[in-house]
């Protein structure tokens, strides 16, 4: 049995403002879902900036 699934992909630039990032993420997920996505794929580290650009021991527990 063949089944088709519509996939939506969300990729966004993130800031250090977690609340703003999550609000933007919510809008983007709603947008692709409204366009027909049944499965939404998010980028790695989808709600914070990519922390591996600099070494910060405070972020090691992430």
PDB file of N, CA and C in Angstrom:
ATOM      1  N   UNK A   1       0.830  -1.178   0.000  1.00  0.00           N
ATOM      2  CA  UNK A   1       0.000   0.000   0.000  1.00  0.00           C
ATOM      3  C   UNK A   1       0.879   1.249   0.000  1.00  0.00           C
ATOM      4  N   UNK A   2       0.675   2.101  -0.951  1.00  0.00           N
ATOM      5  CA  UNK A   2       1.454   3.326  -1.074  1.00  0.00           C
ATOM      6  C   UNK A   2       0.725   4.459  -0.361  1.00  0.00           C
ATOM      7  N   UNK A   3       1.466   5.229   0.417  1.00  0.00           N
ATOM      8  CA  UNK A   3       0.877   6.347   1.142  1.00  0.00           C
ATOM      9  C   UNK A   3       1.732   7.584   0.916  1.00  0.00           C
ATOM     10  N   UNK A   4       1.089   8.691   0.656  1.00  0.00           N
ATOM     11  CA  UNK A   4       1.793   9.952   0.448  1.00  0.00           C
ATOM     12  C   UNK A   4       1.623  10.832   1.678  1.00  0.00           C
ATOM     13  N   UNK A   5       2.722  11.406   2.132  1.00  0.00           N
ATOM     14  CA  UNK A   5       2.701  12.332   3.266  1.00  0.00           C
ATOM     15  C   UNK A   5       3.283  13.657   2.792  1.00  0.00           C
ATOM     16  N   UNK A   6       2.585  14.735   3.083  1.00  0.00           N
ATOM     17  CA  UNK A   6       3.094  16.072   2.753  1.00  0.00           C
ATOM     18  C   UNK A   6       3.974  16.550   3.902  1.00  0.00           C
ATOM     19  N   UNK A   7       5.194  16.932   3.572  1.00  0.00           N
ATOM     20  CA  UNK A   7       6.175  17.352   4.569  1.00  0.00           C
ATOM     21  C   UNK A   7       6.411  18.847   4.443  1.00  0.00           C
ATOM     22  N   UNK A   8       6.419  19.528   5.570  1.00  0.00           N
ATOM     23  CA  UNK A   8       6.768  20.947   5.617  1.00  0.00           C
ATOM     24  C   UNK A   8       8.081  21.103   6.353  1.00  0.00           C
ATOM     25  N   UNK A   9       8.954  21.942   5.835  1.00  0.00           N
ATOM     26  CA  UNK A   9      10.265  22.160   6.443  1.00  0.00           C
ATOM     27  C   UNK A   9      10.339  23.594   6.948  1.00  0.00           C
ATOM     28  N   UNK A  10      10.733  23.752   8.213  1.00  0.00           N
ATOM     29  CA  UNK A  10      10.867  25.080   8.809  1.00  0.00           C
ATOM     30  C   UNK A  10      12.327  25.294   9.166  1.00  0.00           C
ATOM     31  N   UNK A  11      12.903  26.345   8.618  1.00  0.00           N
ATOM     32  CA  UNK A  11      14.259  26.754   8.970  1.00  0.00           C
ATOM     33  C   UNK A  11      14.213  28.249   9.198  1.00  0.00           C
ATOM     34  N   UNK A  12      14.783  28.699  10.303  1.00  0.00           N
ATOM     35  CA  UNK A  12      14.702  30.113  10.638  1.00  0.00           C
ATOM     36  C   UNK A  12      15.962  30.554  11.352  1.00  0.00           C
ATOM     37  N   UNK A  13      16.239  31.847  11.283  1.00  0.00           N
ATOM     38  CA  UNK A  13      17.333  32.435  12.049  1.00  0.00           C
ATOM     39  C   UNK A  13      16.839  32.658  13.472  1.00  0.00           C
ATOM     40  N   UNK A  14      17.661  32.334  14.449  1.00  0.00           N
ATOM     41  CA  UNK A  14      17.277  32.490  15.849  1.00  0.00           C
ATOM     42  C   UNK A  14      18.121  33.563  16.520  1.00  0.00           C
ATOM     43  N   UNK A  15      17.561  34.144  17.568  1.00  0.00           N
ATOM     44  CA  UNK A  15      18.259  35.141  18.372  1.00  0.00           C
ATOM     45  C   UNK A  15      18.424  34.586  19.780  1.00  0.00           C
ATOM     46  N   UNK A  16      18.938  35.395  20.686  1.00  0.00           N
ATOM     47  CA  UNK A  16      19.052  34.979  22.084  1.00  0.00           C
ATOM     48  C   UNK A  16      17.737  35.136  22.837  1.00  0.00           C
ATOM     49  N   UNK A  17      16.707  35.660  22.189  1.00  0.00           N
ATOM     50  CA  UNK A  17      15.389  35.854  22.799  1.00  0.00           C
ATOM     51  C   UNK A  17      14.543  34.604  22.565  1.00  0.00           C
ATOM     52  N   UNK A  18      14.523  33.703  23.543  1.00  0.00           N
ATOM     53  CA  UNK A  18      13.827  32.424  23.404  1.00  0.00           C
ATOM     54  C   UNK A  18      12.342  32.616  23.118  1.00  0.00           C
ATOM     55  N   UNK A  19      11.711  33.557  23.807  1.00  0.00           N
ATOM     56  CA  UNK A  19      10.276  33.787  23.604  1.00  0.00           C
ATOM     57  C   UNK A  19       9.995  34.195  22.161  1.00  0.00           C
ATOM     58  N   UNK A  20      10.789  35.106  21.632  1.00  0.00           N
ATOM     59  CA  UNK A  20      10.623  35.548  20.244  1.00  0.00           C
ATOM     60  C   UNK A  20      10.851  34.388  19.278  1.00  0.00           C
ATOM     61  N   UNK A  21      11.875  33.578  19.538  1.00  0.00           N
ATOM     62  CA  UNK A  21      12.156  32.422  18.680  1.00  0.00           C
ATOM     63  C   UNK A  21      10.982  31.448  18.657  1.00  0.00           C
ATOM     64  N   UNK A  22      10.397  31.178  19.824  1.00  0.00           N
ATOM     65  CA  UNK A  22       9.280  30.236  19.896  1.00  0.00           C
ATOM     66  C   UNK A  22       8.026  30.798  19.233  1.00  0.00           C
ATOM     67  N   UNK A  23       7.808  32.115  19.366  1.00  0.00           N
ATOM     68  CA  UNK A  23       6.665  32.738  18.685  1.00  0.00           C
ATOM     69  C   UNK A  23       6.819  32.618  17.169  1.00  0.00           C
ATOM     70  N   UNK A  24       8.035  32.886  16.680  1.00  0.00           N
ATOM     71  CA  UNK A  24       8.304  32.780  15.244  1.00  0.00           C
ATOM     72  C   UNK A  24       8.146  31.330  14.783  1.00  0.00           C
ATOM     73  N   UNK A  25       8.636  30.400  15.589  1.00  0.00           N
ATOM     74  CA  UNK A  25       8.523  28.982  15.271  1.00  0.00           C
ATOM     75  C   UNK A  25       7.052  28.563  15.186  1.00  0.00           C
ATOM     76  N   UNK A  26       6.259  29.020  16.135  1.00  0.00           N
ATOM     77  CA  UNK A  26       4.830  28.699  16.136  1.00  0.00           C
ATOM     78  C   UNK A  26       4.162  29.212  14.862  1.00  0.00           C
ATOM     79  N   UNK A  27       4.464  30.449  14.474  1.00  0.00           N
ATOM     80  CA  UNK A  27       3.893  31.010  13.239  1.00  0.00           C
ATOM     81  C   UNK A  27       4.326  30.208  12.019  1.00  0.00           C
ATOM     82  N   UNK A  28       5.602  29.833  11.961  1.00  0.00           N
ATOM     83  CA  UNK A  28       6.106  29.086  10.808  1.00  0.00           C
ATOM     84  C   UNK A  28       5.504  27.683  10.730  1.00  0.00           C
ATOM     85  N   UNK A  29       5.339  27.022  11.864  1.00  0.00           N
ATOM     86  CA  UNK A  29       4.705  25.700  11.875  1.00  0.00           C
ATOM     87  C   UNK A  29       3.257  25.820  11.426  1.00  0.00           C
ATOM     88  N   UNK A  30       2.547  26.821  11.937  1.00  0.00           N
ATOM     89  CA  UNK A  30       1.151  27.026  11.539  1.00  0.00           C
ATOM     90  C   UNK A  30       1.051  27.289  10.044  1.00  0.00           C
ATOM     91  N   UNK A  31       2.012  28.018   9.500  1.00  0.00           N
ATOM     92  CA  UNK A  31       2.001  28.348   8.072  1.00  0.00           C
ATOM     93  C   UNK A  31       2.147  27.101   7.201  1.00  0.00           C
ATOM     94  N   UNK A  32       3.111  26.243   7.529  1.00  0.00           N
ATOM     95  CA  UNK A  32       3.293  25.041   6.703  1.00  0.00           C
ATOM     96  C   UNK A  32       2.161  24.043   6.922  1.00  0.00           C
ATOM     97  N   UNK A  33       1.602  24.013   8.130  1.00  0.00           N
ATOM     98  CA  UNK A  33       0.451  23.139   8.386  1.00  0.00           C
ATOM     99  C   UNK A  33      -0.754  23.617   7.586  1.00  0.00           C
ATOM    100  N   UNK A  34      -0.955  24.922   7.535  1.00  0.00           N
ATOM    101  CA  UNK A  34      -2.066  25.481   6.761  1.00  0.00           C
ATOM    102  C   UNK A  34      -1.882  25.193   5.271  1.00  0.00           C
ATOM    103  N   UNK A  35      -0.631  25.094   4.838  1.00  0.00           N
ATOM    104  CA  UNK A  35      -0.340  24.788   3.433  1.00  0.00           C
ATOM    105  C   UNK A  35      -0.489  23.296   3.131  1.00  0.00           C
ATOM    106  N   UNK A  36      -0.813  22.500   4.163  1.00  0.00           N
ATOM    107  CA  UNK A  36      -1.084  21.091   3.923  1.00  0.00           C
ATOM    108  C   UNK A  36      -0.074  20.111   4.485  1.00  0.00           C
ATOM    109  N   UNK A  37       0.931  20.598   5.197  1.00  0.00           N
ATOM    110  CA  UNK A  37       1.933  19.684   5.756  1.00  0.00           C
ATOM    111  C   UNK A  37       1.313  18.791   6.823  1.00  0.00           C
ATOM    112  N   UNK A  38       1.608  17.506   6.736  1.00  0.00           N
ATOM    113  CA  UNK A  38       1.176  16.540   7.744  1.00  0.00           C
ATOM    114  C   UNK A  38       2.312  16.215   8.710  1.00  0.00           C
ATOM    115  N   UNK A  39       3.520  16.457   8.265  1.00  0.00           N
ATOM    116  CA  UNK A  39       4.720  16.254   9.069  1.00  0.00           C
ATOM    117  C   UNK A  39       5.560  17.512   8.929  1.00  0.00           C
ATOM    118  N   UNK A  40       5.952  18.108  10.060  1.00  0.00           N
ATOM    119  CA  UNK A  40       6.768  19.323  10.034  1.00  0.00           C
ATOM    120  C   UNK A  40       8.154  18.973  10.557  1.00  0.00           C
ATOM    121  N   UNK A  41       9.177  19.313   9.787  1.00  0.00           N
ATOM    122  CA  UNK A  41      10.562  19.037  10.146  1.00  0.00           C
ATOM    123  C   UNK A  41      11.222  20.357  10.528  1.00  0.00           C
ATOM    124  N   UNK A  42      11.855  20.371  11.708  1.00  0.00           N
ATOM    125  CA  UNK A  42      12.531  21.570  12.195  1.00  0.00           C
ATOM    126  C   UNK A  42      14.037  21.380  12.106  1.00  0.00           C
ATOM    127  N   UNK A  43      14.747  22.494  12.049  1.00  0.00           N
ATOM    128  CA  UNK A  43      16.204  22.441  12.023  1.00  0.00           C
ATOM    129  C   UNK A  43      16.736  22.017  13.393  1.00  0.00           C
ATOM    130  N   UNK A  44      17.952  21.510  13.392  1.00  0.00           N
ATOM    131  CA  UNK A  44      18.629  21.216  14.647  1.00  0.00           C
ATOM    132  C   UNK A  44      18.769  22.529  15.415  1.00  0.00           C
ATOM    133  N   UNK A  45      18.633  22.491  16.724  1.00  0.00           N
ATOM    134  CA  UNK A  45      18.704  23.694  17.562  1.00  0.00           C
ATOM    135  C   UNK A  45      17.714  24.741  17.066  1.00  0.00           C
ATOM    136  N   UNK A  46      16.468  24.357  16.960  1.00  0.00           N
ATOM    137  CA  UNK A  46      15.453  25.188  16.331  1.00  0.00           C
ATOM    138  C   UNK A  46      14.961  26.354  17.175  1.00  0.00           C
ATOM    139  N   UNK A  47      15.313  26.430  18.455  1.00  0.00           N
ATOM    140  CA  UNK A  47      14.798  27.533  19.256  1.00  0.00           C
ATOM    141  C   UNK A  47      15.875  28.395  19.907  1.00  0.00           C
ATOM    142  N   UNK A  48      17.128  28.129  19.595  1.00  0.00           N
ATOM    143  CA  UNK A  48      18.233  28.938  20.111  1.00  0.00           C
ATOM    144  C   UNK A  48      19.264  29.128  19.005  1.00  0.00           C
ATOM    145  N   UNK A  49      20.118  30.137  19.147  1.00  0.00           N
ATOM    146  CA  UNK A  49      21.187  30.292  18.153  1.00  0.00           C
ATOM    147  C   UNK A  49      22.130  29.086  18.189  1.00  0.00           C
ATOM    148  N   UNK A  50      22.822  28.871  17.110  1.00  0.00           N
ATOM    149  CA  UNK A  50      23.790  27.777  17.043  1.00  0.00           C
ATOM    150  C   UNK A  50      24.951  28.119  17.965  1.00  0.00           C
ATOM    151  N   UNK A  51      25.036  27.425  19.094  1.00  0.00           N
ATOM    152  CA  UNK A  51      25.990  27.789  20.141  1.00  0.00           C
ATOM    153  C   UNK A  51      27.402  27.299  19.879  1.00  0.00           C
ATOM    154  N   UNK A  52      27.602  26.445  18.917  1.00  0.00           N
ATOM    155  CA  UNK A  52      28.923  25.851  18.694  1.00  0.00           C
ATOM    156  C   UNK A  52      29.878  26.766  17.933  1.00  0.00           C
ATOM    157  N   UNK A  53      29.465  27.974  17.642  1.00  0.00           N
ATOM    158  CA  UNK A  53      30.343  28.892  16.919  1.00  0.00           C
ATOM    159  C   UNK A  53      31.461  29.406  17.814  1.00  0.00           C
ATOM    160  N   UNK A  54      31.204  29.458  19.118  1.00  0.00           N
ATOM    161  CA  UNK A  54      32.226  29.845  20.083  1.00  0.00           C
ATOM    162  C   UNK A  54      32.166  28.859  21.246  1.00  0.00           C
ATOM    163  N   UNK A  55      33.273  28.672  21.916  1.00  0.00           N
ATOM    164  CA  UNK A  55      33.291  27.758  23.053  1.00  0.00           C
ATOM    165  C   UNK A  55      32.905  28.519  24.309  1.00  0.00           C
ATOM    166  N   UNK A  56      31.829  28.095  24.944  1.00  0.00           N
ATOM    167  CA  UNK A  56      31.347  28.708  26.174  1.00  0.00           C
ATOM    168  C   UNK A  56      30.994  27.575  27.131  1.00  0.00           C
ATOM    169  N   UNK A  57      31.766  27.423  28.183  1.00  0.00           N
ATOM    170  CA  UNK A  57      31.551  26.311  29.110  1.00  0.00           C
ATOM    171  C   UNK A  57      30.184  26.368  29.776  1.00  0.00           C
ATOM    172  N   UNK A  58      29.543  27.519  29.810  1.00  0.00           N
ATOM    173  CA  UNK A  58      28.195  27.625  30.378  1.00  0.00           C
ATOM    174  C   UNK A  58      27.173  26.871  29.539  1.00  0.00           C
ATOM    175  N   UNK A  59      27.496  26.576  28.293  1.00  0.00           N
ATOM    176  CA  UNK A  59      26.565  25.904  27.395  1.00  0.00           C
ATOM    177  C   UNK A  59      26.840  24.404  27.267  1.00  0.00           C
ATOM    178  N   UNK A  60      27.809  23.881  27.980  1.00  0.00           N
ATOM    179  CA  UNK A  60      28.177  22.475  27.833  1.00  0.00           C
ATOM    180  C   UNK A  60      27.051  21.521  28.220  1.00  0.00           C
ATOM    181  N   UNK A  61      26.188  21.915  29.131  1.00  0.00           N
ATOM    182  CA  UNK A  61      25.114  21.028  29.583  1.00  0.00           C
ATOM    183  C   UNK A  61      23.934  20.988  28.631  1.00  0.00           C
ATOM    184  N   UNK A  62      23.941  21.779  27.570  1.00  0.00           N
ATOM    185  CA  UNK A  62      22.849  21.734  26.605  1.00  0.00           C
ATOM    186  C   UNK A  62      22.878  20.393  25.936  1.00  0.00           C
TER     187      UNK A  62
END
